[in-house]
PDB file of all heavy atoms in Angstrom:
ATOM      1  N   ASN A   1      16.793 196.366  97.234  1.00  0.00           N
ATOM      2  CA  ASN A   1      18.011 197.118  97.423  1.00  0.00           C
ATOM      3  C   ASN A   1      17.690 198.586  97.238  1.00  0.00           C
ATOM      4  O   ASN A   1      17.057 198.944  96.313  1.00  0.00           O
ATOM      5  CB  ASN A   1      19.135 196.654  96.645  1.00  0.00           C
ATOM      6  CG  ASN A   1      19.639 195.200  96.912  1.00  0.00           C
ATOM      7  OD1 ASN A   1      20.127 194.475  96.102  1.00  0.00           O
ATOM      8  ND2 ASN A   1      19.558 194.839  98.206  1.00  0.00           N
ATOM      9  N   SER A   2      18.359 199.350  98.071  1.00  0.00           N
ATOM     10  CA  SER A   2      18.447 200.835  97.942  1.00  0.00           C
ATOM     11  C   SER A   2      19.343 201.142  96.750  1.00  0.00           C
ATOM     12  O   SER A   2      20.032 200.331  96.236  1.00  0.00           O
ATOM     13  CB  SER A   2      18.884 201.538  99.063  1.00  0.00           C
ATOM     14  OG  SER A   2      20.380 201.125  99.403  1.00  0.00           O
ATOM     15  N   PHE A   3      19.228 202.411  96.306  1.00  0.00           N
ATOM     16  CA  PHE A   3      20.125 202.907  95.180  1.00  0.00           C
ATOM     17  C   PHE A   3      21.553 202.759  95.553  1.00  0.00           C
ATOM     18  O   PHE A   3      22.441 202.275  94.784  1.00  0.00           O
ATOM     19  CB  PHE A   3      19.775 204.318  94.808  1.00  0.00           C
ATOM     20  CG  PHE A   3      20.609 204.894  93.707  1.00  0.00           C
ATOM     21  CD1 PHE A   3      20.580 204.226  92.510  1.00  0.00           C
ATOM     22  CD2 PHE A   3      21.335 205.950  93.815  1.00  0.00           C
ATOM     23  CE1 PHE A   3      21.352 204.765  91.406  1.00  0.00           C
ATOM     24  CE2 PHE A   3      22.185 206.549  92.794  1.00  0.00           C
ATOM     25  CZ  PHE A   3      22.200 205.834  91.547  1.00  0.00           C
ATOM     26  N   LYS A   4      21.753 203.143  96.787  1.00  0.00           N
ATOM     27  CA  LYS A   4      23.297 202.908  97.198  1.00  0.00           C
ATOM     28  C   LYS A   4      23.790 201.537  97.149  1.00  0.00           C
ATOM     29  O   LYS A   4      24.841 201.162  96.692  1.00  0.00           O
ATOM     30  CB  LYS A   4      23.465 203.549  98.690  1.00  0.00           C
ATOM     31  CG  LYS A   4      24.822 203.404  99.247  1.00  0.00           C
ATOM     32  CD  LYS A   4      24.906 204.008 100.557  1.00  0.00           C
ATOM     33  CE  LYS A   4      26.302 204.058 101.095  1.00  0.00           C
ATOM     34  NZ  LYS A   4      26.329 204.593 102.563  1.00  0.00           N
ATOM     35  N   GLU A   5      22.957 200.546  97.593  1.00  0.00           N
ATOM     36  CA  GLU A   5      23.160 199.184  97.558  1.00  0.00           C
ATOM     37  C   GLU A   5      23.401 198.620  96.158  1.00  0.00           C
ATOM     38  O   GLU A   5      24.374 197.883  95.885  1.00  0.00           O
ATOM     39  CB  GLU A   5      22.227 198.413  98.364  1.00  0.00           C
ATOM     40  CG  GLU A   5      22.189 198.582  99.844  1.00  0.00           C
ATOM     41  CD  GLU A   5      20.985 197.981 100.598  1.00  0.00           C
ATOM     42  OE1 GLU A   5      19.869 197.977  99.961  1.00  0.00           O
ATOM     43  OE2 GLU A   5      21.128 197.757 101.771  1.00  0.00           O
ATOM     44  N   ILE A   6      22.459 199.189  95.248  1.00  0.00           N
ATOM     45  CA  ILE A   6      22.567 198.743  93.932  1.00  0.00           C
ATOM     46  C   ILE A   6      23.903 199.198  93.266  1.00  0.00           C
ATOM     47  O   ILE A   6      24.727 198.416  92.627  1.00  0.00           O
ATOM     48  CB  ILE A   6      21.463 199.291  93.061  1.00  0.00           C
ATOM     49  CG1 ILE A   6      20.175 198.738  93.341  1.00  0.00           C
ATOM     50  CG2 ILE A   6      21.739 199.191  91.572  1.00  0.00           C
ATOM     51  CD1 ILE A   6      19.852 197.259  92.963  1.00  0.00           C
ATOM     52  N   LEU A   7      24.303 200.491  93.465  1.00  0.00           N
ATOM     53  CA  LEU A   7      25.570 200.985  93.009  1.00  0.00           C
ATOM     54  C   LEU A   7      26.782 200.105  93.494  1.00  0.00           C
ATOM     55  O   LEU A   7      27.646 199.799  92.747  1.00  0.00           O
ATOM     56  CB  LEU A   7      25.772 202.360  93.397  1.00  0.00           C
ATOM     57  CG  LEU A   7      24.861 203.423  92.677  1.00  0.00           C
ATOM     58  CD1 LEU A   7      25.215 204.848  93.322  1.00  0.00           C
ATOM     59  CD2 LEU A   7      25.393 203.480  91.288  1.00  0.00           C
ATOM     60  N   ILE A   8      26.804 199.870  94.779  1.00  0.00           N
ATOM     61  CA  ILE A   8      27.928 199.130  95.400  1.00  0.00           C
ATOM     62  C   ILE A   8      28.060 197.877  94.845  1.00  0.00           C
ATOM     63  O   ILE A   8      29.064 197.435  94.425  1.00  0.00           O
ATOM     64  CB  ILE A   8      27.815 199.096  96.867  1.00  0.00           C
ATOM     65  CG1 ILE A   8      27.994 200.503  97.530  1.00  0.00           C
ATOM     66  CG2 ILE A   8      28.740 198.143  97.546  1.00  0.00           C
ATOM     67  CD1 ILE A   8      27.704 200.580  98.997  1.00  0.00           C
ATOM     68  N   THR A   9      26.929 197.137  94.782  1.00  0.00           N
ATOM     69  CA  THR A   9      26.971 195.658  94.153  1.00  0.00           C
ATOM     70  C   THR A   9      27.301 195.692  92.706  1.00  0.00           C
ATOM     71  O   THR A   9      28.041 194.810  92.133  1.00  0.00           O
ATOM     72  CB  THR A   9      25.482 195.128  94.349  1.00  0.00           C
ATOM     73  OG1 THR A   9      25.028 195.296  95.719  1.00  0.00           O
ATOM     74  CG2 THR A   9      25.574 193.602  94.083  1.00  0.00           C
ATOM     75  N   LEU A  10      26.800 196.746  91.914  1.00  0.00           N
ATOM     76  CA  LEU A  10      27.208 196.614  90.543  1.00  0.00           C
ATOM     77  C   LEU A  10      28.717 196.951  90.303  1.00  0.00           C
ATOM     78  O   LEU A  10      29.286 196.367  89.517  1.00  0.00           O
ATOM     79  CB  LEU A  10      26.439 197.793  89.813  1.00  0.00           C
ATOM     80  CG  LEU A  10      24.968 197.523  89.443  1.00  0.00           C
ATOM     81  CD1 LEU A  10      24.398 198.876  88.964  1.00  0.00           C
ATOM     82  CD2 LEU A  10      24.906 196.616  88.311  1.00  0.00           C
ATOM     83  N   ILE A  11      29.231 197.742  91.153  1.00  0.00           N
ATOM     84  CA  ILE A  11      30.703 198.186  91.093  1.00  0.00           C
ATOM     85  C   ILE A  11      31.564 196.923  91.488  1.00  0.00           C
ATOM     86  O   ILE A  11      32.662 196.668  90.908  1.00  0.00           O
ATOM     87  CB  ILE A  11      30.947 199.370  91.929  1.00  0.00           C
ATOM     88  CG1 ILE A  11      30.561 200.569  91.267  1.00  0.00           C
ATOM     89  CG2 ILE A  11      32.493 199.397  92.254  1.00  0.00           C
ATOM     90  CD1 ILE A  11      31.312 200.943  90.056  1.00  0.00           C
ATOM     91  N   ILE A  12      31.139 196.152  92.553  1.00  0.00           N
ATOM     92  CA  ILE A  12      32.087 195.139  93.128  1.00  0.00           C
ATOM     93  C   ILE A  12      32.546 194.139  92.101  1.00  0.00           C
ATOM     94  O   ILE A  12      33.711 193.790  92.092  1.00  0.00           O
ATOM     95  CB  ILE A  12      31.360 194.421  94.240  1.00  0.00           C
ATOM     96  CG1 ILE A  12      31.296 195.321  95.615  1.00  0.00           C
ATOM     97  CG2 ILE A  12      32.148 193.224  94.762  1.00  0.00           C
ATOM     98  CD1 ILE A  12      30.426 194.782  96.730  1.00  0.00           C
ATOM     99  N   GLY A  13      31.699 193.663  91.232  1.00  0.00           N
ATOM    100  CA  GLY A  13      32.025 192.591  90.309  1.00  0.00           C
ATOM    101  C   GLY A  13      33.106 193.072  89.356  1.00  0.00           C
ATOM    102  O   GLY A  13      34.224 192.500  89.290  1.00  0.00           O
ATOM    103  N   PRO A  14      32.871 194.069  88.587  1.00  0.00           N
ATOM    104  CA  PRO A  14      33.901 194.641  87.722  1.00  0.00           C
ATOM    105  C   PRO A  14      35.211 195.080  88.410  1.00  0.00           C
ATOM    106  O   PRO A  14      36.231 194.930  87.903  1.00  0.00           O
ATOM    107  CB  PRO A  14      33.297 195.876  87.058  1.00  0.00           C
ATOM    108  CG  PRO A  14      31.674 195.537  87.047  1.00  0.00           C
ATOM    109  CD  PRO A  14      31.629 194.842  88.432  1.00  0.00           C
ATOM    110  N   TYR A  15      35.041 195.625  89.629  1.00  0.00           N
ATOM    111  CA  TYR A  15      36.235 195.984  90.412  1.00  0.00           C
ATOM    112  C   TYR A  15      37.077 194.798  90.790  1.00  0.00           C
ATOM    113  O   TYR A  15      38.329 194.774  90.534  1.00  0.00           O
ATOM    114  CB  TYR A  15      35.681 196.773  91.796  1.00  0.00           C
ATOM    115  CG  TYR A  15      36.880 197.065  92.592  1.00  0.00           C
ATOM    116  CD1 TYR A  15      37.516 198.329  92.533  1.00  0.00           C
ATOM    117  CD2 TYR A  15      37.341 196.166  93.579  1.00  0.00           C
ATOM    118  CE1 TYR A  15      38.602 198.673  93.284  1.00  0.00           C
ATOM    119  CE2 TYR A  15      38.342 196.670  94.522  1.00  0.00           C
ATOM    120  CZ  TYR A  15      38.996 197.796  94.320  1.00  0.00           C
ATOM    121  OH  TYR A  15      39.971 198.121  95.127  1.00  0.00           O
ATOM    122  N   LEU A  16      36.461 193.756  91.146  1.00  0.00           N
ATOM    123  CA  LEU A  16      37.265 192.579  91.450  1.00  0.00           C
ATOM    124  C   LEU A  16      37.788 191.900  90.165  1.00  0.00           C
ATOM    125  O   LEU A  16      38.995 191.445  90.242  1.00  0.00           O
ATOM    126  CB  LEU A  16      36.348 191.503  92.136  1.00  0.00           C
ATOM    127  CG  LEU A  16      35.854 191.694  93.604  1.00  0.00           C
ATOM    128  CD1 LEU A  16      34.884 190.793  93.969  1.00  0.00           C
ATOM    129  CD2 LEU A  16      37.103 191.805  94.478  1.00  0.00           C
ATOM    130  N   LEU A  17      37.123 191.963  89.045  1.00  0.00           N
ATOM    131  CA  LEU A  17      37.625 191.378  87.828  1.00  0.00           C
ATOM    132  C   LEU A  17      38.825 192.208  87.391  1.00  0.00           C
ATOM    133  O   LEU A  17      39.759 191.642  86.943  1.00  0.00           O
ATOM    134  CB  LEU A  17      36.446 191.355  86.690  1.00  0.00           C
ATOM    135  CG  LEU A  17      36.972 191.031  85.319  1.00  0.00           C
ATOM    136  CD1 LEU A  17      37.549 189.554  85.359  1.00  0.00           C
ATOM    137  CD2 LEU A  17      35.820 191.210  84.296  1.00  0.00           C
ATOM    138  N   THR A  18      38.740 193.451  87.276  1.00  0.00           N
ATOM    139  CA  THR A  18      39.826 194.285  86.799  1.00  0.00           C
ATOM    140  C   THR A  18      41.042 194.259  87.792  1.00  0.00           C
ATOM    141  O   THR A  18      42.141 194.221  87.322  1.00  0.00           O
ATOM    142  CB  THR A  18      39.461 195.713  86.563  1.00  0.00           C
ATOM    143  OG1 THR A  18      38.735 196.237  87.744  1.00  0.00           O
ATOM    144  CG2 THR A  18      38.458 195.856  85.463  1.00  0.00           C
ATOM    145  N   SER A  19      40.870 194.097  89.093  1.00  0.00           N
ATOM    146  CA  SER A  19      41.867 193.974  90.069  1.00  0.00           C
ATOM    147  C   SER A  19      42.733 192.625  89.840  1.00  0.00           C
ATOM    148  O   SER A  19      43.887 192.556  89.695  1.00  0.00           O
ATOM    149  CB  SER A  19      41.415 193.954  91.504  1.00  0.00           C
ATOM    150  OG  SER A  19      40.738 195.198  91.779  1.00  0.00           O
ATOM    151  N   PHE A  20      41.916 191.603  89.560  1.00  0.00           N
ATOM    152  CA  PHE A  20      42.406 190.275  89.310  1.00  0.00           C
ATOM    153  C   PHE A  20      43.258 190.216  88.049  1.00  0.00           C
ATOM    154  O   PHE A  20      44.337 189.672  87.889  1.00  0.00           O
ATOM    155  CB  PHE A  20      41.459 189.068  89.375  1.00  0.00           C
ATOM    156  CG  PHE A  20      40.967 188.795  90.685  1.00  0.00           C
ATOM    157  CD1 PHE A  20      39.674 188.633  91.142  1.00  0.00           C
ATOM    158  CD2 PHE A  20      41.959 188.317  91.579  1.00  0.00           C
ATOM    159  CE1 PHE A  20      39.334 188.132  92.301  1.00  0.00           C
ATOM    160  CE2 PHE A  20      41.687 187.841  92.865  1.00  0.00           C
ATOM    161  CZ  PHE A  20      40.287 187.795  93.230  1.00  0.00           C
ATOM    162  N   LEU A  21      42.636 190.857  86.953  1.00  0.00           N
ATOM    163  CA  LEU A  21      43.304 190.926  85.670  1.00  0.00           C
ATOM    164  C   LEU A  21      44.609 191.678  85.626  1.00  0.00           C
ATOM    165  O   LEU A  21      45.554 191.362  85.137  1.00  0.00           O
ATOM    166  CB  LEU A  21      42.383 191.652  84.598  1.00  0.00           C
ATOM    167  CG  LEU A  21      41.248 190.770  84.160  1.00  0.00           C
ATOM    168  CD1 LEU A  21      40.226 191.718  83.330  1.00  0.00           C
ATOM    169  CD2 LEU A  21      41.775 189.578  83.383  1.00  0.00           C
ATOM    170  N   LEU A  22      44.696 192.854  86.524  1.00  0.00           N
ATOM    171  CA  LEU A  22      45.887 193.625  86.581  1.00  0.00           C
ATOM    172  C   LEU A  22      46.926 192.732  87.253  1.00  0.00           C
ATOM    173  O   LEU A  22      48.124 192.743  86.727  1.00  0.00           O
ATOM    174  CB  LEU A  22      45.646 194.873  87.416  1.00  0.00           C
ATOM    175  CG  LEU A  22      46.863 195.773  87.608  1.00  0.00           C
ATOM    176  CD1 LEU A  22      47.442 196.205  86.238  1.00  0.00           C
ATOM    177  CD2 LEU A  22      46.591 196.972  88.536  1.00  0.00           C
ATOM    178  N   GLN A  23      46.685 192.073  88.289  1.00  0.00           N
ATOM    179  CA  GLN A  23      47.675 191.339  89.014  1.00  0.00           C
ATOM    180  C   GLN A  23      48.048 190.087  88.366  1.00  0.00           C
ATOM    181  O   GLN A  23      49.190 189.499  88.590  1.00  0.00           O
ATOM    182  CB  GLN A  23      47.203 191.178  90.473  1.00  0.00           C
ATOM    183  CG  GLN A  23      46.963 192.367  91.301  1.00  0.00           C
ATOM    184  CD  GLN A  23      48.102 193.399  91.255  1.00  0.00           C
ATOM    185  OE1 GLN A  23      49.264 193.094  91.203  1.00  0.00           O
ATOM    186  NE2 GLN A  23      47.661 194.747  91.112  1.00  0.00           N
ATOM    187  N   SER A  24      47.234 189.654  87.408  1.00  0.00           N
ATOM    188  CA  SER A  24      47.602 188.460  86.651  1.00  0.00           C
ATOM    189  C   SER A  24      48.720 188.671  85.658  1.00  0.00           C
ATOM    190  O   SER A  24      49.403 187.702  85.255  1.00  0.00           O
ATOM    191  CB  SER A  24      46.309 187.957  85.841  1.00  0.00           C
ATOM    192  OG  SER A  24      46.134 188.919  84.651  1.00  0.00           O
ATOM    193  N   GLY A  25      48.911 189.926  85.234  1.00  0.00           N
ATOM    194  CA  GLY A  25      49.862 190.241  84.297  1.00  0.00           C
ATOM    195  C   GLY A  25      49.458 190.349  82.875  1.00  0.00           C
ATOM    196  O   GLY A  25      50.196 190.704  81.875  1.00  0.00           O
ATOM    197  N   LEU A  26      48.135 189.969  82.584  1.00  0.00           N
ATOM    198  CA  LEU A  26      47.564 189.998  81.266  1.00  0.00           C
ATOM    199  C   LEU A  26      47.581 191.381  80.628  1.00  0.00           C
ATOM    200  O   LEU A  26      47.740 191.585  79.406  1.00  0.00           O
ATOM    201  CB  LEU A  26      46.135 189.453  81.281  1.00  0.00           C
ATOM    202  CG  LEU A  26      45.929 187.859  81.248  1.00  0.00           C
ATOM    203  CD1 LEU A  26      44.635 187.600  81.546  1.00  0.00           C
ATOM    204  CD2 LEU A  26      46.433 187.250  79.973  1.00  0.00           C
ATOM    205  N   PHE A  27      47.538 192.365  81.474  1.00  0.00           N
ATOM    206  CA  PHE A  27      47.485 193.755  80.923  1.00  0.00           C
ATOM    207  C   PHE A  27      48.829 194.597  81.289  1.00  0.00           C
ATOM    208  O   PHE A  27      48.864 195.675  80.999  1.00  0.00           O
ATOM    209  CB  PHE A  27      46.403 194.469  81.570  1.00  0.00           C
ATOM    210  CG  PHE A  27      45.020 194.151  80.961  1.00  0.00           C
ATOM    211  CD1 PHE A  27      44.438 192.982  81.382  1.00  0.00           C
ATOM    212  CD2 PHE A  27      44.463 194.959  80.033  1.00  0.00           C
ATOM    213  CE1 PHE A  27      43.160 192.626  80.854  1.00  0.00           C
ATOM    214  CE2 PHE A  27      43.156 194.680  79.482  1.00  0.00           C
ATOM    215  CZ  PHE A  27      42.592 193.446  79.873  1.00  0.00           C
ATOM    216  N   THR A  28      49.854 193.843  81.676  1.00  0.00           N
ATOM    217  CA  THR A  28      51.164 194.473  82.000  1.00  0.00           C
ATOM    218  C   THR A  28      52.307 193.740  81.613  1.00  0.00           C
ATOM    219  O   THR A  28      53.194 194.234  81.121  1.00  0.00           O
ATOM    220  CB  THR A  28      51.197 194.656  83.632  1.00  0.00           C
ATOM    221  OG1 THR A  28      50.733 193.437  84.208  1.00  0.00           O
ATOM    222  CG2 THR A  28      50.340 195.787  84.097  1.00  0.00           C
ATOM    223  N   ASP A  29      52.262 192.460  81.692  1.00  0.00           N
ATOM    224  CA  ASP A  29      53.402 191.604  81.264  1.00  0.00           C
ATOM    225  C   ASP A  29      52.908 190.902  79.826  1.00  0.00           C
ATOM    226  O   ASP A  29      52.721 189.639  79.672  1.00  0.00           O
ATOM    227  CB  ASP A  29      53.601 190.441  82.276  1.00  0.00           C
ATOM    228  CG  ASP A  29      54.930 189.795  82.013  1.00  0.00           C
ATOM    229  OD1 ASP A  29      55.761 190.196  81.082  1.00  0.00           O
ATOM    230  OD2 ASP A  29      55.373 188.702  82.619  1.00  0.00           O
ATOM    231  N   ARG A  30      52.778 191.822  78.822  1.00  0.00           N
ATOM    232  CA  ARG A  30      52.095 191.501  77.679  1.00  0.00           C
ATOM    233  C   ARG A  30      52.991 190.716  76.664  1.00  0.00           C
ATOM    234  O   ARG A  30      52.390 190.234  75.573  1.00  0.00           O
ATOM    235  CB  ARG A  30      51.514 192.690  76.919  1.00  0.00           C
ATOM    236  CG  ARG A  30      50.687 193.568  77.869  1.00  0.00           C
ATOM    237  CD  ARG A  30      50.049 194.722  77.130  1.00  0.00           C
ATOM    238  NE  ARG A  30      49.421 195.607  77.995  1.00  0.00           N
ATOM    239  CZ  ARG A  30      48.185 196.087  77.809  1.00  0.00           C
ATOM    240  NH1 ARG A  30      47.382 195.719  76.831  1.00  0.00           N
ATOM    241  NH2 ARG A  30      47.627 197.014  78.701  1.00  0.00           N
ATOM    242  N   SER A  31      54.253 190.683  76.868  1.00  0.00           N
ATOM    243  CA  SER A  31      55.159 189.798  76.007  1.00  0.00           C
ATOM    244  C   SER A  31      56.034 188.945  77.069  1.00  0.00           C
ATOM    245  O   SER A  31      57.117 188.967  76.920  1.00  0.00           O
ATOM    246  CB  SER A  31      56.069 190.762  75.153  1.00  0.00           C
ATOM    247  OG  SER A  31      55.355 191.663  74.420  1.00  0.00           O
ATOM    248  N   ARG A  32      55.201 188.256  77.734  1.00  0.00           N
ATOM    249  CA  ARG A  32      55.919 187.472  78.799  1.00  0.00           C
ATOM    250  C   ARG A  32      56.912 186.356  78.302  1.00  0.00           C
ATOM    251  O   ARG A  32      57.947 186.244  78.810  1.00  0.00           O
ATOM    252  CB  ARG A  32      54.766 186.639  79.664  1.00  0.00           C
ATOM    253  CG  ARG A  32      55.308 185.727  80.715  1.00  0.00           C
ATOM    254  CD  ARG A  32      54.149 185.061  81.532  1.00  0.00           C
ATOM    255  NE  ARG A  32      53.199 184.424  80.653  1.00  0.00           N
ATOM    256  CZ  ARG A  32      53.395 183.212  79.977  1.00  0.00           C
ATOM    257  NH1 ARG A  32      54.473 182.518  80.331  1.00  0.00           N
ATOM    258  NH2 ARG A  32      52.474 182.752  79.131  1.00  0.00           N
ATOM    259  N   GLU A  33      56.528 185.678  77.285  1.00  0.00           N
ATOM    260  CA  GLU A  33      57.448 184.646  76.714  1.00  0.00           C
ATOM    261  C   GLU A  33      58.666 185.172  76.282  1.00  0.00           C
ATOM    262  O   GLU A  33      59.787 184.774  76.511  1.00  0.00           O
ATOM    263  CB  GLU A  33      56.702 183.763  75.548  1.00  0.00           C
ATOM    264  CG  GLU A  33      55.515 182.955  76.129  1.00  0.00           C
ATOM    265  CD  GLU A  33      55.026 182.249  74.935  1.00  0.00           C
ATOM    266  OE1 GLU A  33      54.797 182.696  73.836  1.00  0.00           O
ATOM    267  OE2 GLU A  33      54.613 181.035  75.218  1.00  0.00           O
ATOM    268  N   ILE A  34      58.606 186.302  75.492  1.00  0.00           N
ATOM    269  CA  ILE A  34      59.786 186.990  75.006  1.00  0.00           C
ATOM    270  C   ILE A  34      60.641 187.535  76.245  1.00  0.00           C
ATOM    271  O   ILE A  34      61.851 187.434  76.369  1.00  0.00           O
ATOM    272  CB  ILE A  34      59.619 188.195  73.983  1.00  0.00           C
ATOM    273  CG1 ILE A  34      58.992 187.566  72.783  1.00  0.00           C
ATOM    274  CG2 ILE A  34      60.777 189.150  73.842  1.00  0.00           C
ATOM    275  CD1 ILE A  34      58.487 188.657  71.726  1.00  0.00           C
ATOM    276  N   ARG A  35      59.918 188.068  77.294  1.00  0.00           N
ATOM    277  CA  ARG A  35      60.676 188.607  78.400  1.00  0.00           C
ATOM    278  C   ARG A  35      61.456 187.417  79.053  1.00  0.00           C
ATOM    279  O   ARG A  35      62.681 187.676  79.517  1.00  0.00           O
ATOM    280  CB  ARG A  35      59.776 189.228  79.343  1.00  0.00           C
ATOM    281  CG  ARG A  35      60.430 189.552  80.820  1.00  0.00           C
ATOM    282  CD  ARG A  35      59.416 190.100  81.750  1.00  0.00           C
ATOM    283  NE  ARG A  35      58.379 189.174  82.074  1.00  0.00           N
ATOM    284  CZ  ARG A  35      58.484 188.006  82.902  1.00  0.00           C
ATOM    285  NH1 ARG A  35      59.756 187.869  83.495  1.00  0.00           N
ATOM    286  NH2 ARG A  35      57.510 187.370  83.258  1.00  0.00           N
TER     287      ARG A  35
END
């Protein structure tokens, strides 16, 4: 892989993880049961 391809591939994984985590509510609906 080229440097550009390495950068893109390295970013995709954490990008997808953090996107999923945000929409899951784990980092936003932090007191869900009380709410």
